[in-house]
C-alpha cells in the first residue's frame, strides 16, 4: 500500500458529515488513500465544521448543494444519517460526482432503488465495512477455492435485536436500530454466501434468529446475541473444513486431521495439509494491520471505492445493488414473523 503523500494521481474529494464516526474513522483513513480533501460539509455545529476544515487545510460548507456547485470534485464521502443520504447522493450524481455512502445508504429498499436510478454510469459504493474486512477477504478466498467447495452453512453471531412488531415498522416506513445494525452481519453473510432466496425470522423475549436460504444452497443462521461485548463471531462450515472468525481479529481455518475412531492416538498429523491455520494481527509493533481502520474494513471499503474510480471499473463489492440485497433481507426479517419470505429480484 501507499500513503496519501506518495500517490501521483489523486482524486479531488469532499466529505459530507463530519460527526464522531467520520472524525474517528473516515477522515483518518484518507491518510492512506489517493485523495486530496478539498472540502468538508456539515449542516450543524459551525464551530466544529470550521475547526475541522482548518485542521485539514480545506474549505467548509454548511450547504451540500452549494459545495457541489462551487467545488470541482471527483468524489464525495457521505457520512450522515440514513434519512438524508439519498438526497445528498442525488445532488452528487447530478453534479457528476462519484459517491461513497455510509451504511446503510438509505432507510429502505425503495430509496436504494431510486439511488440506483440516479447513479447512472457513476461509481457508487456503500460502506459495509464487514464485507471488506481482511478476515472476510480470507473467508471469500477459501469459499471460492474449488479445492474446498461451496460451504454447507454460515453461522453469524451479532448483538442486535429484531423488533417484534416488524410489519408495523415496514407499514409506517420507520427506521430502527435493526436497519442500522443488522446490515453488519448481513453484509458479511451475503459477501460470503451470495444472493438470498428466502428469509425466516423468529423473535424471542430477548433474542432471536434469522434463517437465510442462499440461492446456491447454503443455509445461513444469524443468531441475534445478547450480553456484553465482544460477542461477534462468524463460522463457515464446509464438508470437511470450517472457518471461524472471532471478534474480527482472529481467523481459524480448520481442515481436520486424519481420524480413525478408537485408533488415532495423536492430534498432530504428519505433514502440513491437515490441522488448523491461524491468522491474527501482531500487536508487538506499531504497524497498520493491527489498527481498527484496517481490521474493521474501513480502509478496505474506501480504497476499493477510489480504485474503482481510478481504474474505471464497475463496483461489485459494496455496490448499491449489493446494498439493495442486504436491505431486502433486513426488511424480509421484519416481515417474516416465523413465515418463510421469498426475496424478489428487481
Protein backbone atom coordinates (compact mmCIF):
# COMPACT_ATOMS: atom_id res chain seq x y z
CA UNK A 1 0.00 0.00 0.00
CA UNK A 2 0.93 3.68 -0.25
CA UNK A 3 0.37 6.77 1.85
CA UNK A 4 -1.61 9.76 0.61
CA UNK A 5 1.50 11.88 0.19
CA UNK A 6 3.08 9.25 -2.08
CA UNK A 7 0.34 8.99 -4.72
CA UNK A 8 0.99 10.77 -8.01
CA UNK A 9 -2.64 10.65 -9.15
CA UNK A 10 -5.20 11.86 -6.62
CA UNK A 11 -8.95 12.26 -6.61
CA UNK A 12 -10.38 15.60 -5.52
CA UNK A 13 -12.82 14.68 -2.77
CA UNK A 14 -15.11 16.17 -0.15
CA UNK A 15 -16.73 14.74 2.97
CA UNK A 16 -20.32 15.47 3.94
CA UNK A 17 -20.98 14.77 7.61
CA UNK A 18 -18.06 15.13 9.99
CA UNK A 19 -19.55 13.77 13.20
CA UNK A 20 -17.93 11.30 15.57
CA UNK A 21 -17.69 8.34 13.19
CA UNK A 22 -16.34 10.38 10.29
CA UNK A 23 -13.83 12.19 12.51
CA UNK A 24 -12.60 8.99 14.22
CA UNK A 25 -12.52 6.75 11.18
CA UNK A 26 -13.18 8.15 7.70
CA UNK A 27 -11.07 11.30 7.89
CA UNK A 28 -8.01 9.49 9.35
CA UNK A 29 -8.35 6.80 6.66
CA UNK A 30 -7.72 9.44 4.00
CA UNK A 31 -4.04 9.34 5.01
CA UNK A 32 -3.79 6.03 3.14
CA UNK A 33 -5.86 6.87 0.04
CA UNK A 34 -5.15 8.53 -3.34
CA UNK A 35 -7.17 11.64 -2.49
CA UNK A 36 -6.93 15.37 -1.95
CA UNK A 37 -9.50 16.62 0.54
CA UNK A 38 -10.91 19.84 -0.91
CA UNK A 39 -13.88 20.50 1.36
CA UNK A 40 -15.89 19.31 4.35
CA UNK A 41 -19.60 19.91 4.84
CA UNK A 42 -21.80 19.77 7.90
CA UNK A 43 -25.25 21.30 8.27
CA UNK A 44 -24.94 21.85 12.04
CA UNK A 45 -22.29 22.89 14.56
CA UNK A 46 -20.43 25.51 12.58
CA UNK A 47 -17.63 25.72 15.15
CA UNK A 48 -16.68 22.06 14.68
CA UNK A 49 -17.00 22.48 10.90
CA UNK A 50 -14.62 25.44 10.84
CA UNK A 51 -12.13 23.76 13.17
CA UNK A 52 -12.13 20.56 11.11
CA UNK A 53 -11.61 22.47 7.86
CA UNK A 54 -8.73 24.36 9.46
CA UNK A 55 -7.18 21.11 10.71
CA UNK A 56 -7.30 19.52 7.25
CA UNK A 57 -6.49 22.69 5.33
CA UNK A 58 -9.64 22.62 3.21
CA UNK A 59 -12.77 24.71 2.58
CA UNK A 60 -16.00 24.26 4.54
CA UNK A 61 -19.72 24.43 3.76
CA UNK A 62 -22.98 24.10 5.65
CA UNK A 63 -24.92 23.55 2.40
CA UNK A 64 -24.03 20.46 0.35
CA UNK A 65 -25.70 21.79 -2.80
CA UNK A 66 -23.58 24.93 -2.65
CA UNK A 67 -20.49 22.77 -2.15
CA UNK A 68 -21.22 20.70 -5.26
CA UNK A 69 -21.78 23.90 -7.25
CA UNK A 70 -18.55 25.56 -6.10
CA UNK A 71 -16.12 22.64 -5.97
CA UNK A 72 -14.76 20.59 -8.88
CA UNK A 73 -14.91 17.17 -7.25
CA UNK A 74 -14.21 13.65 -8.41
CA UNK A 75 -15.85 12.01 -5.42
CA UNK A 76 -17.63 12.60 -2.14
CA UNK A 77 -17.73 10.58 1.08
CA UNK A 78 -21.18 10.86 2.70
CA UNK A 79 -21.40 10.07 6.41
CA UNK A 80 -24.75 11.43 7.58
CA UNK A 81 -27.98 9.92 8.95
CA UNK A 82 -29.58 7.45 6.55
CA UNK A 83 -32.61 9.73 6.28
CA UNK A 84 -30.68 12.36 4.30
CA UNK A 85 -28.05 10.29 2.50
CA UNK A 86 -30.19 9.58 -0.61
CA UNK A 87 -30.85 13.32 -1.05
CA UNK A 88 -27.16 14.23 -0.78
CA UNK A 89 -26.20 11.36 -3.09
CA UNK A 90 -28.73 12.61 -5.64
CA UNK A 91 -27.12 16.07 -5.51
CA UNK A 92 -23.73 14.48 -6.11
CA UNK A 93 -24.94 12.38 -9.03
CA UNK A 94 -26.48 15.43 -10.73
CA UNK A 95 -23.12 17.20 -10.29
CA UNK A 96 -21.31 14.24 -11.89
CA UNK A 97 -19.59 13.25 -8.63
CA UNK A 98 -18.89 9.64 -7.62
CA UNK A 99 -20.36 8.65 -4.26
CA UNK A 100 -19.22 6.68 -1.22
CA UNK A 101 -22.09 6.48 1.26
CA UNK A 102 -22.03 5.04 4.76
CA UNK A 103 -24.09 2.00 5.63
CA UNK A 104 -26.99 1.68 5.29
CA UNK A 105 -27.17 4.10 2.37
CA UNK A 106 -30.89 4.73 2.90
CA UNK A 107 -33.76 3.91 5.24
CA UNK A 108 -35.48 1.38 2.96
CA UNK A 109 -35.15 -0.57 -0.27
CA UNK A 110 -37.32 1.87 -2.27
CA UNK A 111 -34.84 4.68 -1.60
CA UNK A 112 -31.91 2.48 -2.62
CA UNK A 113 -33.69 1.62 -5.88
CA UNK A 114 -34.03 5.35 -6.58
CA UNK A 115 -30.33 5.84 -5.83
CA UNK A 116 -29.51 3.17 -8.40
CA UNK A 117 -31.59 5.03 -10.98
CA UNK A 118 -29.94 8.35 -10.08
CA UNK A 119 -26.42 6.93 -10.21
CA UNK A 120 -26.21 6.48 -13.97
CA UNK A 121 -22.69 5.50 -15.02
CA UNK A 122 -21.01 6.97 -11.93
CA UNK A 123 -19.30 4.90 -9.24
CA UNK A 124 -21.23 4.37 -6.00
CA UNK A 125 -20.07 2.22 -3.08
CA UNK A 126 -21.83 1.67 0.25
CA UNK A 127 -19.66 1.44 3.35
CA UNK A 128 -20.42 -2.08 4.55
CA UNK A 129 -17.14 -2.48 6.40
CA UNK A 130 -17.80 -6.10 7.41
CA UNK A 131 -17.78 -7.01 3.71
CA UNK A 132 -14.29 -5.50 3.38
CA UNK A 133 -12.52 -6.83 6.49
CA UNK A 134 -9.26 -8.74 5.93
CA UNK A 135 -10.98 -11.64 7.70
CA UNK A 136 -13.78 -11.50 5.12
CA UNK A 137 -11.22 -11.47 2.30
CA UNK A 138 -9.73 -14.68 3.65
CA UNK A 139 -13.15 -16.31 4.06
CA UNK A 140 -14.10 -15.42 0.46
CA UNK A 141 -10.75 -16.76 -0.78
CA UNK A 142 -11.36 -20.12 0.89
CA UNK A 143 -15.02 -20.36 -0.17
CA UNK A 144 -14.12 -19.63 -3.79
CA UNK A 145 -11.29 -22.18 -3.86
CA UNK A 146 -12.55 -25.23 -5.84
CA UNK A 147 -10.34 -27.40 -3.65
CA UNK A 148 -12.77 -26.92 -0.76
CA UNK A 149 -16.12 -26.49 -2.50
CA UNK A 150 -19.22 -24.49 -1.65
CA UNK A 151 -19.85 -24.42 2.10
CA UNK A 152 -22.94 -26.01 3.61
CA UNK A 153 -23.81 -23.34 6.15
CA UNK A 154 -22.88 -20.00 7.70
CA UNK A 155 -23.41 -19.00 11.31
CA UNK A 156 -23.23 -15.34 12.30
CA UNK A 157 -23.47 -14.15 15.89
CA UNK A 158 -24.08 -10.45 16.39
CA UNK A 159 -25.51 -8.24 19.17
CA UNK A 160 -28.63 -6.79 17.54
CA UNK A 161 -32.32 -7.13 18.45
CA UNK A 162 -35.10 -7.86 15.97
CA UNK A 163 -38.28 -5.89 16.82
CA UNK A 164 -41.42 -7.97 17.41
CA UNK A 165 -43.65 -5.50 15.51
CA UNK A 166 -41.84 -5.75 12.20
CA UNK A 167 -44.89 -5.49 9.95
CA UNK A 168 -45.97 -2.24 11.61
CA UNK A 169 -42.45 -0.86 11.21
CA UNK A 170 -42.49 -1.66 7.49
CA UNK A 171 -46.02 -0.28 7.03
CA UNK A 172 -45.09 3.01 8.71
CA UNK A 173 -41.68 3.11 6.96
CA UNK A 174 -39.89 3.52 10.29
CA UNK A 175 -36.13 3.41 10.56
CA UNK A 176 -34.88 1.40 13.54
CA UNK A 177 -31.72 0.10 15.16
CA UNK A 178 -32.42 -3.15 13.32
CA UNK A 179 -31.94 -1.35 9.98
CA UNK A 180 -28.84 0.43 11.26
CA UNK A 181 -27.05 -2.54 12.81
CA UNK A 182 -28.28 -5.78 11.19
CA UNK A 183 -26.57 -4.75 7.97
CA UNK A 184 -23.19 -5.50 9.61
CA UNK A 185 -23.60 -9.29 9.93
CA UNK A 186 -25.90 -9.46 6.89
CA UNK A 187 -23.33 -7.78 4.67
CA UNK A 188 -20.72 -10.32 5.79
CA UNK A 189 -23.07 -13.23 5.14
CA UNK A 190 -24.08 -12.01 1.68
CA UNK A 191 -20.49 -11.15 0.75
CA UNK A 192 -19.51 -14.75 1.50
CA UNK A 193 -22.71 -16.63 0.62
CA UNK A 194 -24.04 -14.67 -2.35
CA UNK A 195 -27.65 -13.91 -3.26
CA UNK A 196 -30.51 -14.90 -0.97
CA UNK A 197 -33.73 -16.76 -1.91
CA UNK A 198 -35.67 -16.94 1.37
CA UNK A 199 -35.62 -15.46 4.87
CA UNK A 200 -37.38 -16.69 8.01
CA UNK A 201 -37.12 -14.91 11.36
CA UNK A 202 -38.15 -15.93 14.85
CA UNK A 203 -38.27 -13.42 17.71
CA UNK A 204 -37.80 -14.46 21.33
CA UNK A 205 -38.16 -12.48 24.53
CA UNK A 206 -34.63 -11.06 24.43
CA UNK A 207 -33.13 -12.58 21.29
CA UNK A 208 -34.00 -14.22 18.01
CA UNK A 209 -32.70 -15.84 14.83
CA UNK A 210 -32.88 -15.27 11.10
CA UNK A 211 -32.68 -18.30 8.83
CA UNK A 212 -31.25 -17.26 5.46
CA UNK A 213 -31.50 -19.58 2.45
CA UNK A 214 -28.98 -18.70 -0.25
CA UNK A 215 -29.52 -19.35 -3.96
CA UNK A 216 -26.52 -21.71 -4.04
CA UNK A 217 -27.94 -23.95 -1.30
CA UNK A 218 -26.04 -22.54 1.67
CA UNK A 219 -28.11 -22.19 4.84
CA UNK A 220 -27.34 -19.14 6.98
CA UNK A 221 -28.20 -18.65 10.63
CA UNK A 222 -27.97 -15.14 12.04
CA UNK A 223 -28.09 -15.57 15.79
CA UNK A 224 -29.12 -12.33 17.48
CA UNK A 225 -26.89 -12.31 20.51
CA UNK A 226 -27.29 -10.55 23.83
CA UNK A 227 -24.77 -9.88 26.56
CA UNK A 228 -21.50 -7.99 26.95
CA UNK A 229 -19.07 -7.26 24.16
CA UNK A 230 -17.29 -8.79 22.38
CA UNK A 231 -19.81 -11.29 21.06
CA UNK A 232 -19.36 -11.03 17.30
CA UNK A 233 -18.44 -14.27 15.59
CA UNK A 234 -18.77 -15.93 12.19
CA UNK A 235 -18.46 -19.61 11.27
CA UNK A 236 -18.47 -21.06 7.76
CA UNK A 237 -18.92 -24.83 7.56
CA UNK A 238 -17.81 -26.96 4.62
CA UNK A 239 -17.96 -30.70 4.14
CA UNK A 240 -14.52 -31.34 5.63
CA UNK A 241 -13.45 -27.89 6.83
CA UNK A 242 -14.64 -24.79 8.64
CA UNK A 243 -13.58 -21.17 9.03
CA UNK A 244 -14.10 -19.32 12.30
CA UNK A 245 -13.79 -15.53 12.63
CA UNK A 246 -13.76 -14.43 16.24
CA UNK A 247 -14.20 -10.74 17.14
CA UNK A 248 -12.98 -9.83 13.58
CA UNK A 249 -9.34 -10.25 14.67
CA UNK A 250 -8.84 -13.99 14.74
CA UNK A 251 -9.34 -16.30 11.75
CA UNK A 252 -9.03 -20.07 12.15
CA UNK A 253 -9.18 -22.38 9.13
CA UNK A 254 -9.77 -25.90 10.46
CA UNK A 255 -9.10 -28.67 7.94
CA UNK A 256 -9.42 -31.55 10.39
CA UNK A 257 -6.98 -34.41 10.91
CA UNK A 258 -6.79 -37.98 9.57
CA UNK A 259 -9.01 -39.78 12.03
CA UNK A 260 -9.88 -43.37 12.81
CA UNK A 261 -12.26 -43.58 15.74
CA UNK A 262 -10.79 -45.57 18.60
CA UNK A 263 -7.38 -45.89 16.94
CA UNK A 264 -5.96 -42.41 16.17
CA UNK A 265 -3.55 -41.62 19.01
CA UNK A 266 -2.23 -38.14 18.05
CA UNK A 267 -4.00 -34.91 17.14
CA UNK A 268 -0.85 -33.73 15.31
CA UNK A 269 -0.76 -35.32 11.88
CA UNK A 270 2.35 -35.71 9.79
CA UNK A 271 2.69 -33.11 7.04
CA UNK A 272 1.19 -29.68 6.55
CA UNK A 273 -2.07 -30.44 4.73
CA UNK A 274 -4.11 -31.09 7.87
CA UNK A 275 -4.96 -29.34 11.08
CA UNK A 276 -5.75 -25.69 11.66
CA UNK A 277 -4.23 -22.48 10.30
CA UNK A 278 -4.47 -19.34 12.42
CA UNK A 279 -4.25 -15.73 11.27
CA UNK A 280 -4.29 -12.79 13.70
CA UNK A 281 -2.67 -9.34 13.94
CA UNK A 282 0.73 -8.96 15.52
CA UNK A 283 0.45 -6.41 18.29
CA UNK A 284 4.09 -6.03 19.22
CA UNK A 285 4.74 -3.42 16.52
CA UNK A 286 3.23 -0.03 15.68
CA UNK A 287 2.15 -1.19 12.24
CA UNK A 288 -1.04 -0.96 10.17
CA UNK A 289 -2.51 -4.47 10.18
CA UNK A 290 -3.34 -4.23 13.90
CA UNK A 291 -5.23 -0.91 13.67
CA UNK A 292 -9.02 -0.82 13.71
CA UNK A 293 -9.10 1.18 10.45
CA UNK A 294 -7.67 -1.88 8.70
CA UNK A 295 -9.04 -4.75 10.82
CA UNK A 296 -12.60 -3.43 10.62
CA UNK A 297 -12.55 -2.94 6.86
CA UNK A 298 -12.81 0.87 6.84
CA UNK A 299 -9.64 1.31 4.82
CA UNK A 300 -10.66 -1.55 2.54
CA UNK A 301 -14.06 -0.12 1.61
CA UNK A 302 -12.72 3.38 0.97
CA UNK A 303 -9.71 2.15 -1.00
CA UNK A 304 -11.95 -0.05 -3.14
CA UNK A 305 -14.14 2.96 -3.94
CA UNK A 306 -11.12 5.03 -5.01
CA UNK A 307 -9.71 2.16 -7.07
CA UNK A 308 -13.00 1.71 -8.93
CA UNK A 309 -12.95 5.38 -9.96
CA UNK A 310 -9.29 5.46 -10.97
CA UNK A 311 -9.45 2.13 -12.81
CA UNK A 312 -12.84 2.94 -14.39
CA UNK A 313 -14.41 -0.30 -13.22
CA UNK A 314 -17.94 -1.04 -12.02
CA UNK A 315 -18.07 -1.89 -8.30
CA UNK A 316 -19.13 -5.37 -7.30
CA UNK A 317 -18.43 -5.46 -3.58
CA UNK A 318 -20.43 -2.85 -1.69
CA UNK A 319 -22.34 -1.74 -4.79
CA UNK A 320 -25.79 -0.19 -4.49
CA UNK A 321 -27.14 -3.46 -5.91
CA UNK A 322 -25.43 -5.27 -3.04
CA UNK A 323 -26.87 -2.70 -0.61
CA UNK A 324 -30.33 -3.37 -2.04
CA UNK A 325 -29.96 -7.12 -1.45
CA UNK A 326 -28.84 -6.51 2.14
CA UNK A 327 -31.79 -4.17 2.77
CA UNK A 328 -34.27 -6.64 1.29
CA UNK A 329 -33.05 -9.34 3.68
CA UNK A 330 -33.30 -6.85 6.55
CA UNK A 331 -36.88 -5.98 5.58
CA UNK A 332 -37.86 -9.62 4.99
CA UNK A 333 -36.71 -10.46 8.51
CA UNK A 334 -39.01 -7.74 9.85
CA UNK A 335 -41.95 -9.02 7.80
CA UNK A 336 -41.43 -12.74 8.44
CA UNK A 337 -42.69 -13.32 12.00
CA UNK A 338 -41.98 -17.02 11.58
CA UNK A 339 -43.06 -17.29 7.94
CA UNK A 340 -40.73 -18.07 5.02
CA UNK A 341 -40.37 -14.91 2.89
CA UNK A 342 -39.15 -15.06 -0.70
CA UNK A 343 -36.64 -12.41 -1.79
CA UNK A 344 -37.68 -10.98 -5.14
CA UNK A 345 -35.06 -9.70 -7.57
CA UNK A 346 -35.69 -6.33 -9.23
